[in-house]
Amino acid sequence: MTATVGSGEVAVSGAMACAGVAAWLLAERNAEVKRARVLCAEDGALEVGPSAWERAFVEARRLWGRLTPEWWSLAAGLLVAVLGASVLPLLAGAAGVPLLRRVRWARGRRRERERRGDAVIALCGALAGEVRAGRQPGEALLRAAADSDGLGEAQGLVLSAARFGGDVPGALVVAAGEPGAEGLSGLAACWRVAVDRGAGLATGLDRLEGALRAERDQRADLRSQLAGARSTAVMLAGLPLLGLLLGTALGADPLHVILHTGPGLGCLLVGAVLEAVGLWWALRIVRGAEAV
């Protein structure tokens, strides 16, 4: 018995020693290869390209970087499908991909609207400064538009009208139709009043800039106040997943119950419907408050 145990320990120790020697030799070989590449590249004689494993790693990193966050839904569904031995989680994960994509697109559109709004505010401030400097409104608009992106895709139309004496307020109204550029309609009104009635354009632009800044700050403050409600809704939506994890940790095997039994499938269907309706209703309340 003792001899057998001793021989087993010797075998394990020998295997570990062999593994250590192999790892050391592999590291030395990689170091020598890298040193040879550097020397050859410095001498200009030969430049060895990356190995197949390095190219595969770089390609895998590039493909991973191109994956959008909504594909994590499919990965999570695949994991749960493997653990629960059912195809239903995989189908649910696949159904969540377009929903999460819509959420990501909505966030992107909101960020774009906010960026355009900031650009319009900057345009009003720059235009007011150019007018105070003594430049004519058309020339001032040309200079101010070069320093900001407030006009967006309609910049060519507006600048052409300003350069050749066209309908600048009409072009600004067209540009105000883009998301986030609603402040340009106020700029068009200021321009029309200044040209038709001889009022001070710089004064009107200052008031418009102040109003747009106040509206932006109010919207940001409201969004920060509603962030807690939105986070609470999302946290409550994730509680069923926490329950599944706790049940699995306690050895109750909840995945088998809800995926392979009739009552479990019924509870899963009813719970999913109630979960979706509750989350939609809570987020609808938050979006309604933001809109007001």
Protein backbone atom coordinates (compact mmCIF):
# COMPACT_ATOMS: atom_id res chain seq x y z
CA MET A 1 0.00 0.00 0.00
CA THR A 2 2.76 2.39 0.99
CA ALA A 3 4.84 1.46 -2.04
CA THR A 4 1.89 2.05 -4.30
CA VAL A 5 1.23 5.48 -2.84
CA GLY A 6 4.91 6.36 -3.06
CA SER A 7 5.14 5.33 -6.69
CA GLY A 8 1.98 7.38 -7.47
CA GLU A 9 3.49 10.47 -5.85
CA VAL A 10 6.70 9.93 -7.79
CA ALA A 11 4.74 9.64 -11.04
CA VAL A 12 2.78 12.83 -10.33
CA SER A 13 5.97 14.69 -9.40
CA GLY A 14 7.65 13.49 -12.57
CA ALA A 15 4.71 14.57 -14.71
CA MET A 16 4.70 18.02 -13.10
CA ALA A 17 8.44 18.33 -13.66
CA CYS A 18 8.09 17.34 -17.30
CA ALA A 19 5.29 19.87 -17.78
CA GLY A 20 7.40 22.60 -16.21
CA VAL A 21 10.38 21.78 -18.43
CA ALA A 22 8.15 21.76 -21.52
CA ALA A 23 6.66 25.14 -20.61
CA TRP A 24 10.13 26.58 -20.00
CA LEU A 25 11.41 25.27 -23.33
CA LEU A 26 8.35 26.67 -25.14
CA ALA A 27 8.85 30.08 -23.52
CA GLU A 28 12.53 30.07 -24.46
CA ARG A 29 11.65 29.15 -28.04
CA ASN A 30 9.11 31.97 -28.29
CA ALA A 31 11.62 34.41 -26.84
CA GLU A 32 14.25 33.33 -29.37
CA VAL A 33 11.77 33.67 -32.25
CA LYS A 34 10.76 37.16 -31.14
CA ARG A 35 14.43 38.16 -30.72
CA ALA A 36 15.21 36.88 -34.20
CA ARG A 37 12.30 38.83 -35.66
CA VAL A 38 13.42 42.03 -34.01
CA LEU A 39 17.03 41.60 -35.15
CA CYS A 40 16.08 40.74 -38.70
CA ALA A 41 13.68 43.66 -38.87
CA GLU A 42 16.36 46.04 -37.60
CA ASP A 43 18.95 44.74 -40.07
CA GLY A 44 16.46 44.93 -42.93
CA ALA A 45 17.42 41.46 -44.09
CA LEU A 46 14.23 39.61 -43.31
CA GLU A 47 10.93 40.43 -41.68
CA VAL A 48 9.08 37.38 -40.44
CA GLY A 49 5.29 37.70 -40.48
CA PRO A 50 3.01 36.72 -37.63
CA SER A 51 2.35 33.08 -36.99
CA ALA A 52 -0.92 31.33 -37.75
CA TRP A 53 -1.96 31.43 -34.09
CA GLU A 54 -1.24 35.15 -33.89
CA ARG A 55 -3.25 35.83 -37.04
CA ALA A 56 -6.13 33.74 -35.70
CA PHE A 57 -6.03 35.64 -32.40
CA VAL A 58 -6.06 39.01 -34.16
CA GLU A 59 -8.95 37.91 -36.38
CA ALA A 60 -10.89 36.64 -33.37
CA ARG A 61 -10.38 39.97 -31.59
CA ARG A 62 -11.56 41.85 -34.67
CA LEU A 63 -14.71 39.73 -34.96
CA TRP A 64 -15.36 40.06 -31.23
CA GLY A 65 -15.06 43.85 -31.48
CA ARG A 66 -17.66 43.90 -34.23
CA LEU A 67 -20.23 42.07 -32.11
CA THR A 68 -22.88 44.41 -30.74
CA PRO A 69 -24.12 44.08 -27.13
CA GLU A 70 -27.49 42.59 -28.11
CA TRP A 71 -25.80 39.36 -29.15
CA TRP A 72 -25.17 38.68 -25.47
CA SER A 73 -28.86 37.81 -25.31
CA LEU A 74 -28.30 34.97 -27.74
CA ALA A 75 -25.20 33.83 -25.84
CA ALA A 76 -27.13 33.82 -22.54
CA GLY A 77 -29.98 31.89 -24.16
CA LEU A 78 -27.54 29.33 -25.51
CA LEU A 79 -25.96 28.89 -22.07
CA VAL A 80 -29.31 28.42 -20.35
CA ALA A 81 -30.42 26.05 -23.13
CA VAL A 82 -27.38 23.88 -22.53
CA LEU A 83 -27.85 23.91 -18.76
CA GLY A 84 -31.58 23.22 -18.97
CA ALA A 85 -31.41 20.79 -21.91
CA SER A 86 -34.15 22.70 -23.75
CA VAL A 87 -34.37 24.80 -26.90
CA LEU A 88 -36.80 27.34 -25.38
CA PRO A 89 -34.11 29.56 -23.79
CA LEU A 90 -32.26 29.66 -27.09
CA LEU A 91 -35.42 30.82 -28.88
CA ALA A 92 -36.01 33.44 -26.20
CA GLY A 93 -32.44 34.68 -26.53
CA ALA A 94 -32.81 34.92 -30.29
CA ALA A 95 -36.05 36.86 -29.87
CA GLY A 96 -34.29 39.27 -27.53
CA VAL A 97 -31.69 40.24 -30.14
CA PRO A 98 -33.96 42.53 -32.24
CA LEU A 99 -35.50 44.02 -29.09
CA LEU A 100 -32.12 44.92 -27.62
CA ARG A 101 -31.04 46.24 -31.03
CA ARG A 102 -34.02 48.60 -31.03
CA VAL A 103 -33.06 49.78 -27.55
CA ARG A 104 -29.49 50.43 -28.70
CA TRP A 105 -30.70 52.32 -31.76
CA ALA A 106 -33.04 54.42 -29.62
CA ARG A 107 -30.16 55.34 -27.34
CA GLY A 108 -28.03 56.22 -30.34
CA ARG A 109 -30.77 58.45 -31.74
CA ARG A 110 -31.16 60.17 -28.37
CA ARG A 111 -27.43 60.83 -28.13
CA GLU A 112 -27.48 62.19 -31.68
CA ARG A 113 -30.38 64.53 -30.81
CA GLU A 114 -28.52 65.78 -27.76
CA ARG A 115 -25.37 66.34 -29.80
CA ARG A 116 -27.31 68.29 -32.42
CA GLY A 117 -28.97 70.37 -29.70
CA ASP A 118 -25.58 71.28 -28.24
CA ALA A 119 -24.33 72.17 -31.73
CA VAL A 120 -27.33 74.48 -32.27
CA ILE A 121 -26.62 76.24 -28.97
CA ALA A 122 -22.99 76.67 -29.96
CA LEU A 123 -24.07 78.03 -33.36
CA CYS A 124 -26.30 80.65 -31.75
CA GLY A 125 -23.51 81.78 -29.43
CA ALA A 126 -20.94 81.95 -32.23
CA LEU A 127 -23.34 83.83 -34.51
CA ALA A 128 -24.11 86.37 -31.79
CA GLY A 129 -20.39 86.95 -31.30
CA GLU A 130 -19.81 87.46 -35.04
CA VAL A 131 -22.68 89.95 -35.28
CA ARG A 132 -21.33 91.92 -32.33
CA ALA A 133 -17.97 92.01 -34.07
CA GLY A 134 -19.59 94.14 -36.79
CA ARG A 135 -20.14 91.59 -39.53
CA GLN A 136 -23.28 91.40 -41.61
CA PRO A 137 -25.70 88.58 -40.73
CA GLY A 138 -24.94 86.57 -43.88
CA GLU A 139 -21.17 86.75 -43.41
CA ALA A 140 -21.55 86.09 -39.68
CA LEU A 141 -23.59 82.96 -40.38
CA LEU A 142 -20.94 81.69 -42.81
CA ARG A 143 -18.22 82.14 -40.20
CA ALA A 144 -20.26 80.72 -37.32
CA ALA A 145 -21.32 77.64 -39.30
CA ALA A 146 -17.67 76.83 -40.00
CA ASP A 147 -17.03 76.50 -36.25
CA SER A 148 -20.03 74.28 -35.40
CA ASP A 149 -22.18 71.53 -36.84
CA GLY A 150 -25.47 73.07 -35.86
CA LEU A 151 -26.94 73.16 -39.37
CA GLY A 152 -26.41 69.45 -39.98
CA GLU A 153 -27.26 68.04 -43.40
CA ALA A 154 -29.00 71.29 -44.43
CA GLN A 155 -25.83 73.31 -44.01
CA GLY A 156 -25.29 73.62 -47.74
CA LEU A 157 -28.82 74.92 -48.28
CA VAL A 158 -28.62 77.48 -45.48
CA LEU A 159 -25.16 78.73 -46.41
CA SER A 160 -26.12 79.05 -50.07
CA ALA A 161 -29.11 81.17 -49.09
CA ALA A 162 -26.90 83.33 -46.86
CA ARG A 163 -24.18 83.72 -49.51
CA PHE A 164 -26.43 84.58 -52.45
CA GLY A 165 -29.18 86.52 -50.68
CA GLY A 166 -31.78 83.75 -50.56
CA ASP A 167 -34.46 82.90 -48.03
CA VAL A 168 -32.31 82.22 -44.98
CA PRO A 169 -35.23 81.88 -42.50
CA GLY A 170 -36.94 79.37 -44.79
CA ALA A 171 -33.75 77.34 -45.08
CA LEU A 172 -33.35 77.43 -41.29
CA VAL A 173 -36.90 76.15 -40.85
CA VAL A 174 -36.08 73.24 -43.18
CA ALA A 175 -32.94 72.50 -41.15
CA ALA A 176 -34.99 72.63 -37.91
CA GLY A 177 -36.93 69.56 -39.09
CA GLU A 178 -34.02 67.29 -38.22
CA PRO A 179 -34.09 65.60 -34.79
CA GLY A 180 -32.43 67.75 -32.15
CA ALA A 181 -32.25 70.86 -34.35
CA GLU A 182 -35.60 72.35 -33.28
CA GLY A 183 -33.79 75.43 -31.93
CA LEU A 184 -33.06 76.52 -35.50
CA SER A 185 -36.71 77.52 -35.84
CA GLY A 186 -36.07 80.12 -33.14
CA LEU A 187 -32.99 81.25 -35.03
CA ALA A 188 -35.13 81.65 -38.14
CA ALA A 189 -37.60 83.80 -36.19
CA CYS A 190 -34.80 85.99 -34.83
CA TRP A 191 -33.36 86.36 -38.34
CA ARG A 192 -36.74 87.31 -39.80
CA VAL A 193 -37.47 89.89 -37.09
CA ALA A 194 -33.98 91.41 -37.40
CA VAL A 195 -34.21 91.74 -41.19
CA ASP A 196 -37.84 92.88 -41.46
CA ARG A 197 -38.02 95.20 -38.46
CA GLY A 198 -34.41 96.16 -37.97
CA ALA A 199 -34.23 94.68 -34.47
CA GLY A 200 -30.94 93.67 -32.90
CA LEU A 201 -30.04 90.15 -34.05
CA ALA A 202 -27.38 89.69 -31.36
CA THR A 203 -29.85 90.41 -28.56
CA GLY A 204 -32.36 87.92 -29.91
CA LEU A 205 -29.65 85.29 -30.33
CA ASP A 206 -28.51 85.78 -26.74
CA ARG A 207 -32.05 85.22 -25.47
CA LEU A 208 -32.48 82.20 -27.73
CA GLU A 209 -29.22 80.68 -26.55
CA GLY A 210 -30.19 81.20 -22.92
CA ALA A 211 -33.59 79.60 -23.47
CA LEU A 212 -32.08 76.59 -25.24
CA ARG A 213 -29.49 76.13 -22.51
CA ALA A 214 -32.15 76.32 -19.80
CA GLU A 215 -34.27 73.74 -21.62
CA ARG A 216 -31.28 71.41 -22.02
CA ASP A 217 -30.35 71.73 -18.34
CA GLN A 218 -33.94 71.10 -17.27
CA ARG A 219 -34.13 68.00 -19.45
CA ALA A 220 -30.83 66.70 -18.05
CA ASP A 221 -32.00 67.33 -14.47
CA LEU A 222 -35.28 65.51 -15.11
CA ARG A 223 -33.44 62.57 -16.65
CA SER A 224 -31.15 62.33 -13.63
CA GLN A 225 -34.17 62.33 -11.29
CA LEU A 226 -35.85 59.58 -13.30
CA ALA A 227 -32.71 57.46 -13.46
CA GLY A 228 -33.57 55.93 -10.08
CA ALA A 229 -37.03 54.89 -11.23
CA ARG A 230 -35.66 53.35 -14.42
CA SER A 231 -32.96 51.46 -12.52
CA THR A 232 -35.55 50.17 -10.04
CA ALA A 233 -37.74 48.87 -12.87
CA VAL A 234 -34.81 47.07 -14.47
CA MET A 235 -33.72 45.62 -11.11
CA LEU A 236 -37.22 44.30 -10.40
CA ALA A 237 -37.26 42.75 -13.87
CA GLY A 238 -34.10 40.83 -13.00
CA LEU A 239 -35.41 39.36 -9.74
CA PRO A 240 -36.80 36.19 -11.40
CA LEU A 241 -33.32 35.40 -12.68
CA LEU A 242 -31.99 35.82 -9.16
CA GLY A 243 -34.66 33.40 -7.97
CA LEU A 244 -33.55 30.84 -10.53
CA LEU A 245 -29.95 31.17 -9.40
CA LEU A 246 -30.91 30.76 -5.74
CA GLY A 247 -33.03 27.71 -6.55
CA THR A 248 -30.17 26.16 -8.48
CA ALA A 249 -27.78 26.85 -5.58
CA LEU A 250 -30.17 25.15 -3.18
CA GLY A 251 -30.37 22.07 -5.40
CA ALA A 252 -34.03 22.49 -6.42
CA ASP A 253 -33.25 22.34 -10.17
CA PRO A 254 -35.75 25.06 -11.21
CA LEU A 255 -34.69 24.90 -14.88
CA HIS A 256 -35.96 21.33 -15.14
CA VAL A 257 -39.25 22.28 -13.48
CA ILE A 258 -40.06 25.26 -15.69
CA LEU A 259 -38.73 23.77 -18.95
CA HIS A 260 -39.78 20.10 -18.76
CA THR A 261 -43.05 20.02 -16.82
CA GLY A 262 -46.53 21.21 -17.74
CA PRO A 263 -47.13 23.43 -14.69
CA GLY A 264 -43.63 24.82 -15.02
CA LEU A 265 -44.16 25.77 -18.66
CA GLY A 266 -47.46 27.43 -17.74
CA CYS A 267 -45.80 29.41 -14.96
CA LEU A 268 -42.99 30.36 -17.33
CA LEU A 269 -45.43 31.65 -19.95
CA VAL A 270 -47.57 33.62 -17.51
CA GLY A 271 -44.50 35.01 -15.74
CA ALA A 272 -42.87 36.08 -19.00
CA VAL A 273 -46.03 37.90 -20.10
CA LEU A 274 -46.43 39.67 -16.76
CA GLU A 275 -42.73 40.53 -16.72
CA ALA A 276 -42.86 42.08 -20.19
CA VAL A 277 -46.06 44.02 -19.47
CA GLY A 278 -44.74 45.33 -16.14
CA LEU A 279 -41.42 46.41 -17.60
CA TRP A 280 -43.11 48.07 -20.57
CA TRP A 281 -45.54 49.93 -18.31
CA ALA A 282 -42.82 51.17 -15.95
CA LEU A 283 -40.62 52.40 -18.79
CA ARG A 284 -43.67 53.98 -20.45
CA ILE A 285 -44.31 56.01 -17.31
CA VAL A 286 -40.68 57.15 -17.27
CA ARG A 287 -40.73 58.11 -20.95
CA GLY A 288 -44.00 59.97 -20.45
CA ALA A 289 -42.47 61.99 -17.62
CA GLU A 290 -39.45 62.81 -19.80
CA ALA A 291 -41.72 63.92 -22.66
CA VAL A 292 -43.69 66.27 -20.38
